[in-house]
Amino acid sequence: MKLFKILVSTAVLAAYSASSTLAADIFVIGGKPDDPFWSIVKRGAEDAGKVV
């Protein structure tokens, strides 16, 4: 049972570290600042930043 807990902990840690390694910086160029589309994108990016 102890070995199983160690294996599960290792798998979770590996999955967590892999997801942060695969993160990317995204830059969007174009559009007007007052376009309503970008306010939705900005809000989504800010919400995602809170989760991460």
Foldseek 3Di string as FASTA:
>chain_A
DVVVVVVVVVVVVVVVVVVVVPDDDDDDDDDDPPPPVVVVVVVVVVVVVVVD
